[in-house]
Amino acid sequence: MQAEKIPFNLILGKMIVTKEGKRLGFVKDVTFETKSGELINLLVKDSTIYAKNLSLEKSSANDFLIPYSAIIAIGDFVVVSEEDLS
């Protein structure tokens, strides 16, 4: 099954939540493989206390990173699986 393509500008600013409903922050930017266009990570802005207590990787600019593999759904929110964040 091919994933539906969502334009970049529709992802920016969306709230990131776990499937349990815990807020992590908002989408600041994305990182991707330039040759294939494959999404690698979401960068988080306005990180919550909950996000800061998780063992998330950080970018060189000290932004938290959410791996693409943790994304469950993108709609009104970006929903991620907390189990796949570490």
N, C-alpha and C. Protein backbone atom coordinates (compact mmCIF):
# COMPACT_ATOMS: atom_id res chain seq x y z
N MET A 1 0.84 -1.18 0.00
CA MET A 1 0.00 0.00 0.00
C MET A 1 0.88 1.24 0.00
N GLN A 2 0.65 2.13 -0.93
CA GLN A 2 1.43 3.35 -1.02
C GLN A 2 0.83 4.42 -0.11
N ALA A 3 1.68 5.08 0.64
CA ALA A 3 1.21 6.12 1.56
C ALA A 3 0.77 7.34 0.77
N GLU A 4 -0.27 8.00 1.27
CA GLU A 4 -0.76 9.22 0.65
C GLU A 4 0.28 10.31 0.83
N LYS A 5 0.55 11.06 -0.23
CA LYS A 5 1.53 12.14 -0.14
C LYS A 5 0.86 13.38 0.44
N ILE A 6 1.53 13.98 1.42
CA ILE A 6 1.02 15.18 2.08
C ILE A 6 2.03 16.29 1.84
N PRO A 7 1.58 17.43 1.31
CA PRO A 7 2.52 18.54 1.07
C PRO A 7 3.18 19.01 2.36
N PHE A 8 4.43 19.38 2.24
CA PHE A 8 5.24 19.83 3.36
C PHE A 8 4.57 20.94 4.16
N ASN A 9 4.00 21.92 3.46
CA ASN A 9 3.41 23.06 4.16
C ASN A 9 2.19 22.68 4.99
N LEU A 10 1.59 21.52 4.75
CA LEU A 10 0.46 21.07 5.55
C LEU A 10 0.91 20.33 6.82
N ILE A 11 2.16 19.95 6.87
CA ILE A 11 2.70 19.27 8.06
C ILE A 11 3.28 20.28 9.05
N LEU A 12 3.89 21.34 8.52
CA LEU A 12 4.51 22.35 9.39
C LEU A 12 3.50 22.93 10.37
N GLY A 13 3.90 23.02 11.61
CA GLY A 13 3.05 23.63 12.64
C GLY A 13 2.04 22.69 13.27
N LYS A 14 1.89 21.47 12.74
CA LYS A 14 0.93 20.53 13.34
C LYS A 14 1.43 20.07 14.70
N MET A 15 0.49 19.87 15.61
CA MET A 15 0.84 19.36 16.93
C MET A 15 1.22 17.89 16.81
N ILE A 16 2.26 17.49 17.55
CA ILE A 16 2.71 16.10 17.59
C ILE A 16 2.22 15.51 18.91
N VAL A 17 1.49 14.41 18.82
CA VAL A 17 0.97 13.74 20.01
C VAL A 17 1.27 12.25 19.93
N THR A 18 1.34 11.61 21.11
CA THR A 18 1.49 10.16 21.13
C THR A 18 0.11 9.55 20.90
N LYS A 19 0.08 8.26 20.60
CA LYS A 19 -1.22 7.62 20.39
C LYS A 19 -2.04 7.59 21.67
N GLU A 20 -1.39 7.82 22.81
CA GLU A 20 -2.08 7.91 24.09
C GLU A 20 -2.59 9.33 24.35
N GLY A 21 -2.27 10.27 23.44
CA GLY A 21 -2.76 11.64 23.56
C GLY A 21 -1.83 12.61 24.27
N LYS A 22 -0.61 12.19 24.57
CA LYS A 22 0.34 13.08 25.23
C LYS A 22 0.99 14.01 24.21
N ARG A 23 1.01 15.28 24.49
CA ARG A 23 1.56 16.28 23.57
C ARG A 23 3.08 16.33 23.66
N LEU A 24 3.72 16.42 22.49
CA LEU A 24 5.18 16.49 22.45
C LEU A 24 5.68 17.84 21.96
N GLY A 25 4.89 18.55 21.18
CA GLY A 25 5.30 19.82 20.61
C GLY A 25 4.68 19.98 19.24
N PHE A 26 5.32 20.79 18.39
CA PHE A 26 4.82 21.07 17.05
C PHE A 26 5.90 20.80 16.02
N VAL A 27 5.49 20.51 14.80
CA VAL A 27 6.45 20.25 13.71
C VAL A 27 7.11 21.57 13.31
N LYS A 28 8.42 21.62 13.47
CA LYS A 28 9.20 22.80 13.09
C LYS A 28 9.73 22.66 11.67
N ASP A 29 10.18 21.45 11.34
CA ASP A 29 10.80 21.20 10.04
C ASP A 29 10.90 19.68 9.84
N VAL A 30 11.37 19.27 8.70
CA VAL A 30 11.60 17.85 8.44
C VAL A 30 13.01 17.67 7.90
N THR A 31 13.57 16.48 8.09
CA THR A 31 14.81 16.12 7.42
C THR A 31 14.49 14.96 6.49
N PHE A 32 15.14 14.96 5.34
CA PHE A 32 14.86 13.90 4.36
C PHE A 32 16.10 13.61 3.54
N GLU A 33 16.08 12.42 2.95
CA GLU A 33 17.16 11.98 2.05
C GLU A 33 16.96 12.72 0.72
N THR A 34 17.95 13.48 0.30
CA THR A 34 17.77 14.31 -0.89
C THR A 34 17.63 13.51 -2.19
N LYS A 35 18.29 12.37 -2.28
CA LYS A 35 18.21 11.60 -3.53
C LYS A 35 16.86 10.91 -3.70
N SER A 36 16.36 10.32 -2.61
CA SER A 36 15.10 9.56 -2.72
C SER A 36 13.88 10.36 -2.28
N GLY A 37 14.11 11.43 -1.51
CA GLY A 37 12.99 12.20 -0.97
C GLY A 37 12.38 11.55 0.26
N GLU A 38 13.00 10.47 0.75
CA GLU A 38 12.47 9.74 1.91
C GLU A 38 12.58 10.59 3.17
N LEU A 39 11.47 10.69 3.90
CA LEU A 39 11.43 11.44 5.15
C LEU A 39 12.22 10.68 6.20
N ILE A 40 13.08 11.39 6.95
CA ILE A 40 13.90 10.77 7.98
C ILE A 40 13.40 11.14 9.37
N ASN A 41 13.26 12.43 9.63
CA ASN A 41 12.85 12.90 10.96
C ASN A 41 11.95 14.12 10.87
N LEU A 42 11.18 14.34 11.93
CA LEU A 42 10.49 15.60 12.15
C LEU A 42 11.27 16.34 13.23
N LEU A 43 11.47 17.62 13.08
CA LEU A 43 12.07 18.44 14.11
C LEU A 43 10.96 19.06 14.93
N VAL A 44 11.12 19.07 16.25
CA VAL A 44 10.07 19.52 17.16
C VAL A 44 10.38 20.93 17.66
N LYS A 45 9.37 21.80 17.62
CA LYS A 45 9.50 23.12 18.26
C LYS A 45 8.52 23.19 19.43
N ASP A 46 8.79 24.08 20.35
CA ASP A 46 7.95 24.26 21.54
C ASP A 46 7.73 22.91 22.25
N SER A 47 8.82 22.21 22.49
CA SER A 47 8.76 20.89 23.14
C SER A 47 8.11 21.00 24.52
N THR A 48 7.28 20.02 24.83
CA THR A 48 6.63 19.97 26.13
C THR A 48 7.58 19.34 27.15
N ILE A 49 7.22 19.46 28.42
CA ILE A 49 7.98 18.81 29.48
C ILE A 49 8.01 17.30 29.24
N TYR A 50 6.89 16.75 28.78
CA TYR A 50 6.82 15.31 28.52
C TYR A 50 7.85 14.91 27.47
N ALA A 51 7.95 15.69 26.38
CA ALA A 51 8.92 15.39 25.32
C ALA A 51 10.34 15.47 25.85
N LYS A 52 10.59 16.45 26.71
CA LYS A 52 11.94 16.63 27.26
C LYS A 52 12.35 15.46 28.15
N ASN A 53 11.38 14.75 28.72
CA ASN A 53 11.68 13.61 29.58
C ASN A 53 11.87 12.31 28.81
N LEU A 54 11.58 12.31 27.51
CA LEU A 54 11.80 11.13 26.67
C LEU A 54 13.26 11.11 26.22
N SER A 55 13.73 9.98 25.78
CA SER A 55 15.11 9.87 25.29
C SER A 55 15.15 10.11 23.79
N LEU A 56 14.77 11.31 23.38
CA LEU A 56 14.75 11.64 21.96
C LEU A 56 16.12 12.12 21.50
N GLU A 57 16.46 11.78 20.27
CA GLU A 57 17.69 12.30 19.68
C GLU A 57 17.52 13.79 19.47
N LYS A 58 18.66 14.49 19.35
CA LYS A 58 18.63 15.92 19.10
C LYS A 58 19.42 16.23 17.83
N SER A 59 19.00 17.27 17.14
CA SER A 59 19.72 17.73 15.95
C SER A 59 20.93 18.55 16.39
N SER A 60 21.74 18.96 15.43
CA SER A 60 22.91 19.79 15.75
C SER A 60 22.49 21.14 16.32
N ALA A 61 21.25 21.57 16.01
CA ALA A 61 20.72 22.83 16.54
C ALA A 61 19.98 22.60 17.86
N ASN A 62 20.09 21.40 18.42
CA ASN A 62 19.50 21.04 19.71
C ASN A 62 17.97 20.89 19.66
N ASP A 63 17.40 20.66 18.47
CA ASP A 63 15.98 20.38 18.34
C ASP A 63 15.75 18.88 18.55
N PHE A 64 14.65 18.53 19.19
CA PHE A 64 14.31 17.12 19.32
C PHE A 64 13.91 16.56 17.97
N LEU A 65 14.23 15.28 17.73
CA LEU A 65 13.93 14.61 16.47
C LEU A 65 12.94 13.47 16.71
N ILE A 66 11.92 13.42 15.87
CA ILE A 66 10.96 12.31 15.88
C ILE A 66 11.24 11.49 14.62
N PRO A 67 11.64 10.23 14.76
CA PRO A 67 11.93 9.43 13.56
C PRO A 67 10.66 9.12 12.76
N TYR A 68 10.82 9.09 11.46
CA TYR A 68 9.69 8.79 10.57
C TYR A 68 9.03 7.48 10.95
N SER A 69 9.82 6.50 11.37
CA SER A 69 9.28 5.18 11.70
C SER A 69 8.30 5.21 12.86
N ALA A 70 8.32 6.28 13.65
CA ALA A 70 7.42 6.39 14.81
C ALA A 70 6.07 7.00 14.44
N ILE A 71 5.96 7.57 13.22
CA ILE A 71 4.72 8.23 12.81
C ILE A 71 3.67 7.19 12.48
N ILE A 72 2.51 7.32 13.12
CA ILE A 72 1.39 6.42 12.87
C ILE A 72 0.42 7.03 11.86
N ALA A 73 0.12 8.32 12.03
CA ALA A 73 -0.86 8.99 11.17
C ALA A 73 -0.59 10.49 11.16
N ILE A 74 -0.99 11.11 10.06
CA ILE A 74 -0.94 12.57 9.94
C ILE A 74 -2.33 13.02 9.50
N GLY A 75 -2.94 13.82 10.34
CA GLY A 75 -4.26 14.38 10.05
C GLY A 75 -4.31 15.75 10.69
N ASP A 76 -5.25 15.96 11.61
CA ASP A 76 -5.27 17.21 12.36
C ASP A 76 -4.03 17.31 13.25
N PHE A 77 -3.50 16.15 13.65
CA PHE A 77 -2.30 16.04 14.46
C PHE A 77 -1.35 15.07 13.78
N VAL A 78 -0.08 15.11 14.18
CA VAL A 78 0.86 14.06 13.81
C VAL A 78 0.87 13.10 14.99
N VAL A 79 0.42 11.87 14.77
CA VAL A 79 0.32 10.88 15.83
C VAL A 79 1.51 9.95 15.73
N VAL A 80 2.21 9.77 16.87
CA VAL A 80 3.39 8.92 16.90
C VAL A 80 3.24 7.83 17.96
N SER A 81 3.98 6.77 17.74
CA SER A 81 4.03 5.67 18.70
C SER A 81 5.18 5.92 19.66
N GLU A 82 4.86 6.08 20.92
CA GLU A 82 5.89 6.36 21.92
C GLU A 82 6.91 5.22 21.99
N GLU A 83 6.47 4.00 21.78
CA GLU A 83 7.38 2.85 21.83
C GLU A 83 8.45 2.93 20.75
N ASP A 84 8.16 3.59 19.64
CA ASP A 84 9.11 3.68 18.52
C ASP A 84 9.98 4.93 18.56
N LEU A 85 9.91 5.69 19.65
CA LEU A 85 10.68 6.93 19.73
C LEU A 85 12.12 6.73 20.19
N SER A 86 12.40 5.63 20.86
CA SER A 86 13.77 5.46 21.38
C SER A 86 14.59 4.55 20.50
